[in-house]
Amino acid sequence: MKEMVINGIRIRPGQSVNIEIAIARLPTHTLIDLPIIIKRAKEDGPVVLISGGVHGDEINGIVAVKRMLEEDDITPKKGTVILIPLVNIYGFLSNSRTFPDGRDLNRSFPGSKKGSLASQIAFILTNEIIPLIDYGIDIHTGGRMLSNYPQIRVDYKDKKGVELAKAFGTHYILNSPHIDKSFRKEAYKMRKSILVYEGGESMRIDDFAVEEAISGTKRLLHHLGMLDSAPEPKQGHLLTESSWLRAKISGIFMTSVQLGDQVKKGQVLARISDPYGQVKVPVKCTTNGYIVGLNNNPVVNAGDALIHVGKGGLI
């Protein structure tokens, strides 16, 4: 078996190890560590990273990884699972997507040892974690007041990634090209496939999205021969393209559809009205498809993203 060393600590076959990597100190001089949990089987096999909280306000990912640790049912029979429940500790402390200086960790890769806080954590992940893994699942949510229906985002040019996305077995797979300086692209440059799971919205725990993240992770590990069993997959849809319907006017947004609904071109999905009942503008669907994202904010401005519609068919 190949040697595994993280932060100078050697993890031997059959070991479960908790490692804390010192990052920096708060202005109060309180030390901030990055906890990493490793579960390594005696038998050699794939190395899979499961991470949450790359954006500090995306709580569902943190809760999903936490529950996997609590339930202790993803200990692999072969290979290694590396779990990082909370990557962006600074954002978590401030209920923020970003770091105190406004930097987005997911746009800071490969990072720098002497750069910003976001850049330093990106540097740790790039040099300590990514070289060790074969695959990864990075668990995210929608933004503030924006909910995502359980979905995997993967670049369709990454054939191995698409295979893994199908094995994850959730409701939707979206084509999502790699973004410069992102965690996923940095891993792909090293020939590693990281799936991005999206479910729910930030700063709100969504049990449905959390449980689907856990179930999909188990299905993926089972596909890789690391678990003996896994939940049954959902009826999945492979979406080749997607787009947001945007508000044509400002006002009160009232939707008549739900996440996961199948919709048709020309169908009225919502209405926007003024506060006085004199103006009412319908929001019509521009294509046949499925609702994969929804704005939960009742008050919107012209140009705001309202409903995310994906186009495609059954896997």
Protein backbone atom coordinates (compact mmCIF):
# COMPACT_ATOMS: atom_id res chain seq x y z
CA MET A 1 0.00 0.00 0.00
CA LYS A 2 1.17 3.51 -0.75
CA GLU A 3 2.31 5.62 2.17
CA MET A 4 -0.11 8.26 3.46
CA VAL A 5 1.26 11.26 5.35
CA ILE A 6 -0.78 14.36 6.28
CA ASN A 7 0.81 17.26 8.17
CA GLY A 8 3.78 15.04 9.01
CA ILE A 9 1.58 12.32 10.53
CA ARG A 10 1.74 8.86 8.97
CA ILE A 11 -1.57 7.00 8.67
CA ARG A 12 -1.08 3.25 8.55
CA PRO A 13 -3.45 0.67 7.02
CA GLY A 14 -6.38 -0.08 9.35
CA GLN A 15 -5.96 3.17 11.31
CA SER A 16 -8.54 5.88 12.03
CA VAL A 17 -6.79 9.15 12.83
CA ASN A 18 -7.89 12.69 13.69
CA ILE A 19 -5.45 15.38 12.58
CA GLU A 20 -5.60 19.09 13.37
CA ILE A 21 -3.64 21.40 11.09
CA ALA A 22 -2.86 24.77 12.68
CA ILE A 23 -3.94 27.57 10.34
CA ALA A 24 -3.68 30.94 12.10
CA ARG A 25 -4.96 32.87 15.10
CA LEU A 26 -8.01 35.07 15.53
CA PRO A 27 -7.39 38.70 16.56
CA THR A 28 -8.00 37.42 20.12
CA HIS A 29 -4.98 35.09 19.58
CA THR A 30 -7.27 32.05 19.75
CA LEU A 31 -5.65 29.32 17.63
CA ILE A 32 -7.69 28.10 14.65
CA ASP A 33 -7.15 24.48 13.56
CA LEU A 34 -8.44 22.60 10.53
CA PRO A 35 -9.66 19.18 11.79
CA ILE A 36 -9.29 16.29 9.32
CA ILE A 37 -10.59 12.77 10.03
CA ILE A 38 -9.06 9.81 8.19
CA LYS A 39 -10.55 6.30 8.09
CA ARG A 40 -8.16 3.84 6.43
CA ALA A 41 -8.93 0.18 5.76
CA LYS A 42 -6.33 -2.56 5.95
CA GLU A 43 -6.96 -3.41 2.28
CA ASP A 44 -5.70 -1.02 -0.38
CA GLY A 45 -8.23 0.86 -2.49
CA PRO A 46 -9.42 4.31 -3.61
CA VAL A 47 -8.88 7.43 -1.50
CA VAL A 48 -12.03 9.57 -1.33
CA LEU A 49 -12.31 13.06 0.16
CA ILE A 50 -15.66 14.17 1.65
CA SER A 51 -15.73 17.88 2.46
CA GLY A 52 -18.24 20.45 3.68
CA GLY A 53 -18.22 24.13 4.55
CA VAL A 54 -15.91 25.41 1.82
CA HIS A 55 -18.30 28.34 2.03
CA GLY A 56 -18.78 29.04 5.72
CA ASP A 57 -22.52 29.75 5.59
CA GLU A 58 -23.42 26.53 3.72
CA ILE A 59 -24.46 24.59 6.79
CA ASN A 60 -26.02 21.55 5.08
CA GLY A 61 -22.63 20.28 3.95
CA ILE A 62 -21.19 20.61 7.44
CA VAL A 63 -24.17 18.78 8.94
CA ALA A 64 -24.01 16.02 6.30
CA VAL A 65 -20.36 15.22 7.00
CA LYS A 66 -20.96 15.51 10.75
CA ARG A 67 -23.79 12.94 10.54
CA MET A 68 -21.60 10.56 8.57
CA LEU A 69 -19.10 10.72 11.42
CA GLU A 70 -21.80 10.34 14.11
CA GLU A 71 -23.43 7.34 12.41
CA ASP A 72 -20.00 5.80 11.74
CA ASP A 73 -21.34 3.84 8.76
CA ILE A 74 -18.91 4.92 6.05
CA THR A 75 -15.85 3.18 7.47
CA PRO A 76 -14.41 1.61 4.30
CA LYS A 77 -13.72 -2.11 3.88
CA LYS A 78 -10.94 -1.11 1.51
CA GLY A 79 -9.25 2.16 0.64
CA THR A 80 -9.41 5.40 2.61
CA VAL A 81 -12.01 8.04 3.41
CA ILE A 82 -10.79 11.53 4.34
CA LEU A 83 -13.45 13.75 5.95
CA ILE A 84 -13.23 17.52 6.44
CA PRO A 85 -16.59 18.63 7.89
CA LEU A 86 -15.73 22.33 8.02
CA VAL A 87 -13.14 23.75 5.64
CA ASN A 88 -13.86 27.48 6.00
CA ILE A 89 -13.83 27.96 9.76
CA TYR A 90 -13.57 31.74 9.51
CA GLY A 91 -16.70 32.01 7.35
CA PHE A 92 -18.56 29.67 9.70
CA LEU A 93 -17.75 31.86 12.71
CA SER A 94 -19.11 34.96 10.96
CA ASN A 95 -22.06 33.27 9.16
CA SER A 96 -20.40 34.29 5.92
CA ARG A 97 -19.67 32.63 2.60
CA THR A 98 -16.24 34.24 2.50
CA PHE A 99 -13.28 35.10 4.72
CA PRO A 100 -13.07 38.31 6.80
CA ASP A 101 -11.36 40.09 3.90
CA GLY A 102 -14.14 39.07 1.50
CA ARG A 103 -12.12 36.42 -0.35
CA ASP A 104 -13.83 33.27 -1.60
CA LEU A 105 -11.87 30.11 -0.76
CA ASN A 106 -13.31 28.43 -3.84
CA ARG A 107 -11.65 31.06 -6.03
CA SER A 108 -8.29 31.00 -4.24
CA PHE A 109 -6.61 27.83 -5.51
CA PRO A 110 -3.84 26.70 -5.70
CA GLY A 111 -3.16 29.17 -2.92
CA SER A 112 0.00 30.48 -1.33
CA LYS A 113 1.80 29.72 1.92
CA LYS A 114 2.22 33.44 2.61
CA GLY A 115 -0.95 34.79 1.00
CA SER A 116 -4.36 35.72 2.41
CA LEU A 117 -6.11 33.42 4.89
CA ALA A 118 -8.17 31.91 2.06
CA SER A 119 -5.02 31.43 0.01
CA GLN A 120 -3.24 29.71 2.92
CA ILE A 121 -6.06 27.18 3.40
CA ALA A 122 -6.21 26.59 -0.36
CA PHE A 123 -2.45 25.96 -0.24
CA ILE A 124 -2.91 23.34 2.53
CA LEU A 125 -5.62 21.53 0.56
CA THR A 126 -3.61 21.71 -2.67
CA ASN A 127 -0.42 20.33 -1.15
CA GLU A 128 -1.54 18.11 1.75
CA ILE A 129 -4.85 16.64 0.56
CA ILE A 130 -5.40 16.70 -3.21
CA PRO A 131 -2.21 14.73 -4.06
CA LEU A 132 -3.39 11.88 -1.80
CA ILE A 133 -6.94 11.45 -3.13
CA ASP A 134 -8.41 9.76 -6.17
CA TYR A 135 -11.92 11.21 -5.94
CA GLY A 136 -13.86 13.71 -3.87
CA ILE A 137 -17.33 14.94 -2.95
CA ASP A 138 -17.55 18.62 -2.05
CA ILE A 139 -20.94 19.38 -0.46
CA HIS A 140 -22.49 22.82 -1.08
CA THR A 141 -25.85 24.59 -0.89
CA GLY A 142 -27.54 27.41 -2.77
CA GLY A 143 -26.97 31.02 -1.71
CA ARG A 144 -28.91 33.21 0.69
CA MET A 145 -32.62 32.62 0.04
CA LEU A 146 -31.73 30.45 -2.99
CA SER A 147 -32.56 26.74 -2.66
CA ASN A 148 -31.12 23.98 -4.85
CA TYR A 149 -32.84 20.65 -5.36
CA PRO A 150 -30.37 17.77 -4.74
CA GLN A 151 -28.00 17.75 -7.71
CA ILE A 152 -24.48 16.85 -8.73
CA ARG A 153 -22.49 19.34 -10.78
CA VAL A 154 -19.75 17.92 -12.97
CA ASP A 155 -17.96 18.95 -16.15
CA TYR A 156 -19.30 16.62 -18.86
CA LYS A 157 -15.82 16.62 -20.42
CA ASP A 158 -14.64 14.71 -17.33
CA LYS A 159 -15.80 11.22 -18.31
CA LYS A 160 -14.72 9.65 -15.00
CA GLY A 161 -16.53 12.42 -13.16
CA VAL A 162 -19.75 11.74 -15.09
CA GLU A 163 -19.47 8.03 -14.26
CA LEU A 164 -19.10 8.89 -10.57
CA ALA A 165 -21.99 11.37 -10.75
CA LYS A 166 -24.27 8.63 -12.08
CA ALA A 167 -23.07 6.32 -9.30
CA PHE A 168 -23.90 9.03 -6.73
CA GLY A 169 -27.45 8.46 -7.90
CA THR A 170 -29.24 11.66 -6.91
CA HIS A 171 -32.08 13.45 -8.70
CA TYR A 172 -30.19 15.65 -11.18
CA ILE A 173 -26.77 15.86 -12.83
CA LEU A 174 -25.88 19.29 -14.26
CA ASN A 175 -23.15 20.09 -16.73
CA SER A 176 -20.90 22.57 -14.92
CA PRO A 177 -17.59 23.47 -16.61
CA HIS A 178 -14.58 23.85 -14.32
CA ILE A 179 -14.13 27.35 -12.90
CA ASP A 180 -10.66 28.90 -12.70
CA LYS A 181 -9.02 28.84 -9.25
CA SER A 182 -11.72 26.54 -7.84
CA PHE A 183 -11.11 23.50 -5.63
CA ARG A 184 -12.60 21.23 -8.29
CA LYS A 185 -10.45 22.59 -11.14
CA GLU A 186 -7.25 22.41 -9.11
CA ALA A 187 -7.99 18.74 -8.39
CA TYR A 188 -8.82 18.08 -12.05
CA LYS A 189 -5.45 19.56 -13.07
CA MET A 190 -3.91 16.78 -10.94
CA ARG A 191 -6.18 14.21 -12.69
CA LYS A 192 -8.51 13.86 -9.70
CA SER A 193 -12.31 13.97 -10.06
CA ILE A 194 -14.22 15.98 -7.46
CA LEU A 195 -18.02 16.06 -7.61
CA VAL A 196 -19.87 19.12 -6.35
CA TYR A 197 -23.13 18.26 -4.59
CA GLU A 198 -25.68 21.05 -4.18
CA GLY A 199 -28.73 20.86 -1.93
CA GLY A 200 -30.83 23.33 0.05
CA GLU A 201 -29.86 26.93 0.83
CA SER A 202 -27.24 28.62 2.98
CA MET A 203 -27.86 29.29 6.68
CA ARG A 204 -30.76 26.84 6.78
CA ILE A 205 -30.62 23.13 7.64
CA ASP A 206 -32.54 21.08 5.07
CA ASP A 207 -32.89 17.46 6.23
CA PHE A 208 -33.98 16.31 2.77
CA ALA A 209 -30.82 17.74 1.17
CA VAL A 210 -28.60 16.50 4.00
CA GLU A 211 -29.94 12.93 3.86
CA GLU A 212 -29.57 12.84 0.09
CA ALA A 213 -25.94 13.99 0.41
CA ILE A 214 -25.30 11.11 2.82
CA SER A 215 -27.16 8.54 0.70
CA GLY A 216 -25.37 9.62 -2.47
CA THR A 217 -21.99 9.43 -0.75
CA LYS A 218 -22.74 5.88 0.37
CA ARG A 219 -23.81 4.94 -3.17
CA LEU A 220 -20.57 6.33 -4.55
CA LEU A 221 -18.44 4.47 -2.00
CA HIS A 222 -20.39 1.29 -2.75
CA HIS A 223 -19.74 1.81 -6.49
CA LEU A 224 -16.03 2.04 -5.71
CA GLY A 225 -16.16 -1.22 -3.74
CA MET A 226 -15.54 0.53 -0.42
CA LEU A 227 -18.89 -0.30 1.22
CA ASP A 228 -20.91 -3.53 1.11
CA SER A 229 -24.28 -1.83 0.65
CA ALA A 230 -25.93 1.53 -0.06
CA PRO A 231 -29.41 3.08 -0.42
CA GLU A 232 -31.23 2.65 -3.72
CA PRO A 233 -30.49 5.41 -6.26
CA LYS A 234 -33.09 8.01 -7.22
CA GLN A 235 -34.57 8.26 -10.70
CA GLY A 236 -31.91 10.55 -12.14
CA HIS A 237 -31.97 13.13 -14.90
CA LEU A 238 -28.96 14.14 -16.98
CA LEU A 239 -29.36 17.87 -17.72
CA THR A 240 -27.36 19.13 -20.67
CA GLU A 241 -28.04 22.81 -20.04
CA SER A 242 -29.71 25.07 -17.50
CA SER A 243 -30.58 28.73 -17.08
CA TRP A 244 -32.17 31.10 -14.61
CA LEU A 245 -35.45 32.90 -15.31
CA ARG A 246 -34.98 36.48 -14.13
CA ALA A 247 -37.36 39.13 -12.85
CA LYS A 248 -38.55 41.58 -15.50
CA ILE A 249 -39.85 43.99 -12.86
CA SER A 250 -39.34 44.60 -9.14
CA GLY A 251 -42.02 43.61 -6.68
CA ILE A 252 -43.48 40.78 -4.61
CA PHE A 253 -42.54 37.36 -6.01
CA MET A 254 -45.10 34.55 -5.61
CA THR A 255 -44.32 31.17 -7.15
CA SER A 256 -46.84 28.44 -7.99
CA VAL A 257 -44.27 25.64 -8.49
CA GLN A 258 -41.86 23.71 -6.29
CA LEU A 259 -38.31 22.43 -6.50
CA GLY A 260 -38.10 19.25 -8.56
CA ASP A 261 -41.24 19.98 -10.59
CA GLN A 262 -41.30 19.14 -14.29
CA VAL A 263 -42.38 22.21 -16.29
CA LYS A 264 -43.31 23.06 -19.87
CA LYS A 265 -42.46 25.90 -22.20
CA GLY A 266 -44.97 28.72 -21.82
CA GLN A 267 -46.16 27.55 -18.39
CA VAL A 268 -46.73 30.33 -15.84
CA LEU A 269 -44.40 29.48 -12.94
CA ALA A 270 -44.84 32.59 -10.79
CA ARG A 271 -46.11 36.14 -10.71
CA ILE A 272 -44.56 39.43 -9.63
CA SER A 273 -46.86 42.16 -8.36
CA ASP A 274 -46.56 45.61 -6.84
CA PRO A 275 -47.54 46.04 -3.15
CA TYR A 276 -50.84 47.70 -4.15
CA GLY A 277 -52.35 45.03 -6.39
CA GLN A 278 -52.35 47.17 -9.52
CA VAL A 279 -49.52 45.47 -11.47
CA LYS A 280 -49.14 41.71 -11.91
CA VAL A 281 -46.56 40.24 -14.31
CA PRO A 282 -46.38 36.49 -15.02
CA VAL A 283 -43.07 34.60 -15.07
CA LYS A 284 -43.31 32.13 -17.95
CA CYS A 285 -41.07 29.15 -18.57
CA THR A 286 -38.93 29.45 -21.70
CA THR A 287 -38.27 25.72 -22.17
CA ASN A 288 -39.40 22.25 -21.16
CA GLY A 289 -37.41 21.07 -18.17
CA TYR A 290 -37.12 20.64 -14.42
CA ILE A 291 -36.89 23.14 -11.57
CA VAL A 292 -33.50 22.67 -9.92
CA GLY A 293 -33.21 26.01 -8.11
CA LEU A 294 -35.65 28.50 -6.61
CA ASN A 295 -35.45 31.97 -5.09
CA ASN A 296 -37.22 31.99 -1.71
CA ASN A 297 -37.10 35.77 -1.32
CA PRO A 298 -40.61 37.23 -1.55
CA VAL A 299 -39.31 40.69 -2.51
CA VAL A 300 -37.25 40.89 -5.70
CA ASN A 301 -35.66 43.50 -7.93
CA ALA A 302 -35.63 43.59 -11.71
CA GLY A 303 -32.89 41.27 -12.96
CA ASP A 304 -32.89 38.99 -9.91
CA ALA A 305 -32.52 35.24 -10.53
CA LEU A 306 -35.88 33.60 -9.74
CA ILE A 307 -36.16 30.03 -11.03
CA HIS A 308 -33.38 27.74 -12.27
CA VAL A 309 -34.63 25.42 -15.01
CA GLY A 310 -32.57 22.48 -16.28
CA LYS A 311 -33.13 20.84 -19.66
CA GLY A 312 -32.47 17.18 -20.37
CA GLY A 313 -33.84 13.69 -19.81
CA LEU A 314 -33.73 10.50 -17.80
CA ILE A 315 -30.40 8.77 -17.34
